């Protein structure tokens, strides 16, 4: 059914959108029959991008690809974040998986080990595209030297801060915090307490980011090295977790949970309304600011380092 040249074209283009893939004929049967009648190949592509910000972007990419040629038709299937990999594994077990699926890059080697994704070595022998990617990302696709996916995207974490709030408390809006100590100092100045609650939080490190990134930031390296050695129970990691616990004890569960529920709803994010002065997120968070808080006067900075000279690792 697939000509070798056509199949590689599909891999090279579509797997740029995925973390792993298992190529078998699948997807909507009606669409497949219609495409077959027209001599086209149907590719069933699953993603978890269903938000009003992300879904239009991924569907525009698919539309542009479909309009760019007349041999392949990509059909997008949205599966919610909490369900996509469970359904993917169930469909693999049933022998009818999606042709291409977005996957956590950290699980790609596992997919290869368990034969839940296609070995791409036969195509890479003809056209080695590995040099297009950061080495660390490409290496994450490998199992026993063979690739089982193509990196689609990655991100880093940066600090967003409210310049008006900085000015209000006498902080220079062009000089964001660069260390953890400065982060604490700035947050204390930016806090605006009202009885047992807060009208504004200066900062909370586990909004928009998780403890593992702070451990990475402090140590300057991941807890698992490239050889698979694990280093979790270390002085620097214990110090980092104690630092995070200190923030939690400072604000209390009620305040933190109240703010977190607002952050999770996107458009009511307290950073948009001035109730949170500093916030860590990805560079694409700028899109949400554009859509929900276009008048917000904000700045961005690298993730503060644990100590001067330690590095702004993210």
Protein backbone atom coordinates (compact mmCIF):
# COMPACT_ATOMS: atom_id res chain seq x y z
CA UNK A 1 0.00 0.00 0.00
CA UNK A 2 2.82 2.41 0.85
CA UNK A 3 5.53 3.15 -1.64
CA UNK A 4 8.86 3.43 0.17
CA UNK A 5 9.48 6.99 -1.02
CA UNK A 6 6.00 8.08 -0.03
CA UNK A 7 6.25 6.49 3.40
CA UNK A 8 9.50 8.25 4.18
CA UNK A 9 7.97 11.55 3.10
CA UNK A 10 5.22 10.89 5.63
CA UNK A 11 7.73 10.07 8.35
CA UNK A 12 9.90 13.09 7.69
CA UNK A 13 7.01 15.53 7.72
CA UNK A 14 4.50 14.11 10.15
CA UNK A 15 6.84 12.78 12.79
CA UNK A 16 8.14 16.26 13.26
CA UNK A 17 4.80 16.57 15.04
CA UNK A 18 5.23 13.57 17.25
CA UNK A 19 7.29 12.05 20.00
CA UNK A 20 6.66 8.50 18.89
CA UNK A 21 4.87 6.61 16.15
CA UNK A 22 3.55 3.20 15.22
CA UNK A 23 2.78 3.02 11.55
CA UNK A 24 -0.16 0.80 10.75
CA UNK A 25 -3.24 1.54 8.70
CA UNK A 26 -5.78 2.94 11.15
CA UNK A 27 -8.04 5.87 11.82
CA UNK A 28 -11.47 6.66 10.40
CA UNK A 29 -12.49 3.87 8.00
CA UNK A 30 -14.78 6.08 5.95
CA UNK A 31 -12.09 8.69 5.43
CA UNK A 32 -9.57 5.95 4.62
CA UNK A 33 -11.87 4.43 1.97
CA UNK A 34 -12.57 7.85 0.47
CA UNK A 35 -8.85 8.67 0.36
CA UNK A 36 -8.05 5.25 -1.13
CA UNK A 37 -10.61 5.89 -3.86
CA UNK A 38 -8.77 9.11 -4.63
CA UNK A 39 -5.41 7.36 -4.45
CA UNK A 40 -4.41 9.14 -1.23
CA UNK A 41 -2.90 7.86 2.02
CA UNK A 42 -4.75 8.75 5.23
CA UNK A 43 -2.68 9.37 8.35
CA UNK A 44 -4.52 9.34 11.67
CA UNK A 45 -2.67 11.79 13.93
CA UNK A 46 -3.47 12.01 17.64
CA UNK A 47 -2.59 14.96 19.85
CA UNK A 48 -3.70 16.34 23.20
CA UNK A 49 -3.78 19.98 22.07
CA UNK A 50 -7.41 20.91 22.52
CA UNK A 51 -7.27 24.34 24.11
CA UNK A 52 -8.57 27.40 22.31
CA UNK A 53 -4.97 28.61 22.00
CA UNK A 54 -3.21 25.43 20.84
CA UNK A 55 -5.78 23.55 18.77
CA UNK A 56 -6.14 26.19 16.04
CA UNK A 57 -2.33 26.24 15.65
CA UNK A 58 -1.92 22.48 15.23
CA UNK A 59 -4.91 22.33 12.89
CA UNK A 60 -3.42 25.14 10.78
CA UNK A 61 -0.16 23.15 10.50
CA UNK A 62 -2.16 20.11 9.35
CA UNK A 63 -4.23 22.16 6.92
CA UNK A 64 -1.09 23.68 5.38
CA UNK A 65 0.45 20.22 4.98
CA UNK A 66 -2.68 18.72 3.44
CA UNK A 67 -2.90 21.62 0.98
CA UNK A 68 0.79 21.39 0.08
CA UNK A 69 0.49 18.05 -1.78
CA UNK A 70 -2.12 15.58 -3.03
CA UNK A 71 -0.73 12.21 -1.90
CA UNK A 72 -1.30 12.24 1.90
CA UNK A 73 -4.22 13.40 4.02
CA UNK A 74 -3.63 13.92 7.74
CA UNK A 75 -6.69 13.48 9.94
CA UNK A 76 -6.35 15.07 13.40
CA UNK A 77 -7.86 13.32 16.41
CA UNK A 78 -7.91 15.22 19.69
CA UNK A 79 -7.59 13.05 22.81
CA UNK A 80 -7.46 14.80 26.23
CA UNK A 81 -4.15 14.93 28.11
CA UNK A 82 -5.29 12.51 30.79
CA UNK A 83 -6.46 9.91 28.29
CA UNK A 84 -4.21 9.99 25.24
CA UNK A 85 -1.52 7.51 26.29
CA UNK A 86 -3.94 5.10 27.95
CA UNK A 87 -5.99 5.01 24.75
CA UNK A 88 -2.84 4.78 22.65
CA UNK A 89 -1.65 1.68 24.50
CA UNK A 90 -5.13 0.15 24.32
CA UNK A 91 -5.26 0.74 20.57
CA UNK A 92 -1.79 -0.81 20.14
CA UNK A 93 -2.93 -3.88 22.07
CA UNK A 94 -6.03 -4.08 19.84
CA UNK A 95 -3.90 -3.90 16.70
CA UNK A 96 -5.40 -0.60 15.50
CA UNK A 97 -3.16 2.22 16.76
CA UNK A 98 -2.99 5.77 15.43
CA UNK A 99 -0.42 6.26 12.69
CA UNK A 100 1.24 9.16 14.50
CA UNK A 101 0.81 10.21 18.12
CA UNK A 102 2.28 12.91 20.33
CA UNK A 103 4.17 11.25 23.14
CA UNK A 104 6.24 12.34 26.12
CA UNK A 105 9.77 12.32 24.71
CA UNK A 106 11.05 10.79 27.95
CA UNK A 107 8.98 7.65 27.25
CA UNK A 108 10.02 7.25 23.62
CA UNK A 109 12.84 4.78 24.35
CA UNK A 110 10.40 2.74 26.46
CA UNK A 111 8.01 2.63 23.51
CA UNK A 112 10.85 1.24 21.42
CA UNK A 113 11.83 -1.31 24.04
CA UNK A 114 8.26 -2.60 24.29
CA UNK A 115 7.72 -2.53 20.50
CA UNK A 116 4.97 0.03 20.86
CA UNK A 117 6.49 2.34 18.24
CA UNK A 118 8.08 1.93 14.85
CA UNK A 119 11.85 1.61 14.45
CA UNK A 120 12.79 4.45 12.10
CA UNK A 121 16.30 3.23 11.27
CA UNK A 122 15.37 2.04 7.77
CA UNK A 123 14.35 5.58 6.84
CA UNK A 124 17.21 7.32 8.63
CA UNK A 125 19.69 5.19 6.70
CA UNK A 126 18.42 6.91 3.55
CA UNK A 127 18.10 10.40 4.98
CA UNK A 128 19.72 11.01 8.36
CA UNK A 129 17.94 14.02 9.85
CA UNK A 130 19.32 13.61 13.38
CA UNK A 131 21.62 16.63 13.01
CA UNK A 132 18.58 18.92 12.78
CA UNK A 133 17.91 18.50 16.51
CA UNK A 134 19.66 19.27 19.76
CA UNK A 135 21.73 16.18 20.62
CA UNK A 136 19.99 15.70 23.97
CA UNK A 137 16.58 15.62 22.32
CA UNK A 138 17.64 13.23 19.59
CA UNK A 139 19.31 10.90 22.09
CA UNK A 140 16.02 10.72 24.00
CA UNK A 141 14.40 9.05 20.97
CA UNK A 142 16.94 6.20 20.89
CA UNK A 143 16.66 2.65 22.16
CA UNK A 144 19.71 0.45 21.59
CA UNK A 145 20.96 2.99 19.05
CA UNK A 146 17.78 3.16 16.93
CA UNK A 147 15.31 6.04 16.86
CA UNK A 148 11.65 5.47 17.62
CA UNK A 149 10.41 9.01 17.17
CA UNK A 150 11.16 12.51 15.99
CA UNK A 151 11.34 15.44 18.45
CA UNK A 152 8.58 17.94 17.77
CA UNK A 153 9.00 20.60 20.41
CA UNK A 154 10.69 21.35 23.67
CA UNK A 155 10.64 24.27 26.04
CA UNK A 156 12.48 26.03 28.79
CA UNK A 157 11.17 27.97 31.76
CA UNK A 158 11.53 31.71 32.22
CA UNK A 159 10.46 34.23 34.86
CA UNK A 160 7.64 36.64 34.01
CA UNK A 161 7.27 39.65 36.29
CA UNK A 162 4.84 42.55 36.64
CA UNK A 163 6.68 45.81 36.10
CA UNK A 164 3.91 47.96 37.61
CA UNK A 165 4.02 45.91 40.82
CA UNK A 166 7.80 46.36 40.91
CA UNK A 167 7.45 50.12 40.63
CA UNK A 168 4.76 50.18 43.33
CA UNK A 169 7.09 48.67 45.95
CA UNK A 170 10.22 50.53 44.87
CA UNK A 171 11.89 47.76 42.83
CA UNK A 172 13.64 48.57 39.56
CA UNK A 173 11.40 47.12 36.80
CA UNK A 174 14.45 46.60 34.60
CA UNK A 175 16.30 44.56 37.22
CA UNK A 176 14.47 41.28 37.92
CA UNK A 177 15.80 38.84 40.54
CA UNK A 178 18.76 36.77 39.39
CA UNK A 179 19.24 34.43 42.39
CA UNK A 180 17.01 32.50 44.76
CA UNK A 181 17.91 34.90 47.57
CA UNK A 182 16.82 37.88 45.46
CA UNK A 183 13.68 35.99 44.46
CA UNK A 184 12.75 35.63 48.14
CA UNK A 185 13.64 39.25 48.88
CA UNK A 186 11.57 40.57 45.95
CA UNK A 187 8.63 38.29 46.77
CA UNK A 188 8.51 39.54 50.38
CA UNK A 189 8.34 43.15 49.14
CA UNK A 190 5.69 42.31 46.55
CA UNK A 191 3.44 40.35 48.92
CA UNK A 192 0.29 42.26 49.83
CA UNK A 193 -1.41 40.59 52.80
CA UNK A 194 -4.97 41.21 53.89
CA UNK A 195 -5.65 39.47 57.21
CA UNK A 196 -5.22 35.75 56.65
CA UNK A 197 -5.39 36.10 52.90
CA UNK A 198 -3.36 37.87 50.23
CA UNK A 199 -4.45 40.52 47.76
CA UNK A 200 -1.21 39.79 45.94
CA UNK A 201 1.41 37.07 46.13
CA UNK A 202 4.95 38.05 45.30
CA UNK A 203 5.89 34.59 44.03
CA UNK A 204 5.35 30.89 44.57
CA UNK A 205 7.89 28.55 42.93
CA UNK A 206 5.49 25.68 42.16
CA UNK A 207 3.06 27.68 40.03
CA UNK A 208 3.75 26.88 36.37
CA UNK A 209 6.77 24.72 37.19
CA UNK A 210 7.46 21.57 39.22
CA UNK A 211 10.01 20.63 41.86
CA UNK A 212 12.12 18.65 39.36
CA UNK A 213 13.00 21.79 37.40
CA UNK A 214 14.16 23.53 40.56
CA UNK A 215 16.32 20.49 41.38
CA UNK A 216 17.75 20.70 37.87
CA UNK A 217 18.30 24.42 38.31
CA UNK A 218 20.16 23.96 41.61
CA UNK A 219 22.31 21.00 40.59
CA UNK A 220 22.93 22.14 37.03
CA UNK A 221 22.15 18.62 35.81
CA UNK A 222 19.35 16.12 35.69
CA UNK A 223 18.83 13.55 38.45
CA UNK A 224 19.35 10.81 35.83
CA UNK A 225 22.55 11.01 33.77
CA UNK A 226 23.02 9.80 30.17
CA UNK A 227 24.15 6.39 31.44
CA UNK A 228 21.00 5.91 33.49
CA UNK A 229 22.61 6.52 36.88
CA UNK A 230 20.16 8.08 39.35
CA UNK A 231 21.20 10.72 41.89
CA UNK A 232 18.20 11.87 43.89
CA UNK A 233 19.25 11.60 47.53
CA UNK A 234 21.91 14.31 47.44
CA UNK A 235 22.67 17.33 49.61
CA UNK A 236 21.72 19.79 46.85
CA UNK A 237 18.40 18.05 46.17
CA UNK A 238 17.50 17.93 49.85
CA UNK A 239 18.37 21.62 50.15
CA UNK A 240 16.18 22.40 47.15
CA UNK A 241 13.19 20.47 48.50
CA UNK A 242 13.59 22.18 51.88
CA UNK A 243 13.63 25.53 50.08
CA UNK A 244 10.40 24.66 48.26
CA UNK A 245 8.80 23.46 51.50
CA UNK A 246 9.67 26.78 53.10
CA UNK A 247 7.59 28.63 50.50
CA UNK A 248 4.64 26.31 51.12
CA UNK A 249 4.81 26.83 54.88
CA UNK A 250 5.09 30.56 54.39
CA UNK A 251 1.83 30.93 52.43
CA UNK A 252 -0.15 27.89 53.61
CA UNK A 253 -2.20 25.35 51.71
CA UNK A 254 -5.39 27.43 51.55
CA UNK A 255 -3.73 30.38 49.84
CA UNK A 256 -1.72 28.18 47.49
CA UNK A 257 -4.72 26.06 46.47
CA UNK A 258 -6.88 29.13 45.92
CA UNK A 259 -4.31 30.66 43.58
CA UNK A 260 -3.61 27.37 41.82
CA UNK A 261 -7.27 26.89 40.91
CA UNK A 262 -7.23 30.31 39.22
CA UNK A 263 -4.00 29.55 37.34
CA UNK A 264 -5.40 26.27 36.04
CA UNK A 265 -8.34 28.09 34.43
CA UNK A 266 -5.98 30.03 32.10
CA UNK A 267 -7.87 33.25 31.40
CA UNK A 268 -8.33 34.04 35.11
CA UNK A 269 -4.64 33.53 35.88
CA UNK A 270 -3.81 35.87 38.79
CA UNK A 271 -0.71 37.06 36.96
CA UNK A 272 -3.03 38.69 34.42
CA UNK A 273 -4.94 40.60 37.11
CA UNK A 274 -1.95 41.72 39.16
CA UNK A 275 -2.65 39.30 42.04
CA UNK A 276 0.58 37.41 41.35
CA UNK A 277 3.66 39.55 40.78
CA UNK A 278 6.11 36.94 39.45
CA UNK A 279 5.38 33.69 37.64
CA UNK A 280 7.47 31.00 35.96
CA UNK A 281 6.23 29.50 32.71
CA UNK A 282 7.25 28.68 29.16
CA UNK A 283 7.95 31.35 26.50
CA UNK A 284 4.60 30.47 24.86
CA UNK A 285 2.81 31.84 27.94
CA UNK A 286 3.27 35.16 26.15
CA UNK A 287 0.42 34.05 23.84
CA UNK A 288 -1.96 33.85 26.79
CA UNK A 289 -0.86 37.29 27.98
CA UNK A 290 -1.52 38.60 24.46
CA UNK A 291 -5.03 37.12 24.45
CA UNK A 292 -6.15 37.69 28.06
CA UNK A 293 -4.10 40.61 29.40
CA UNK A 294 -2.91 42.71 26.44
CA UNK A 295 -2.42 45.82 28.61
CA UNK A 296 -0.18 44.07 31.15
CA UNK A 297 3.22 45.73 31.56
CA UNK A 298 5.53 42.77 32.12
CA UNK A 299 9.13 41.70 31.73
CA UNK A 300 10.88 38.35 31.31
CA UNK A 301 14.13 37.01 32.69
CA UNK A 302 16.09 33.79 32.94
CA UNK A 303 15.18 31.39 35.72
CA UNK A 304 17.07 32.69 38.79
CA UNK A 305 20.09 30.63 39.81
CA UNK A 306 20.34 29.08 43.25
CA UNK A 307 23.58 30.93 44.03
CA UNK A 308 25.66 33.48 42.08
CA UNK A 309 27.62 31.68 39.38
CA UNK A 310 25.64 28.44 39.67
CA UNK A 311 23.91 28.92 36.31
CA UNK A 312 20.35 29.63 35.19
CA UNK A 313 19.68 26.03 34.21
CA UNK A 314 16.21 25.06 33.04
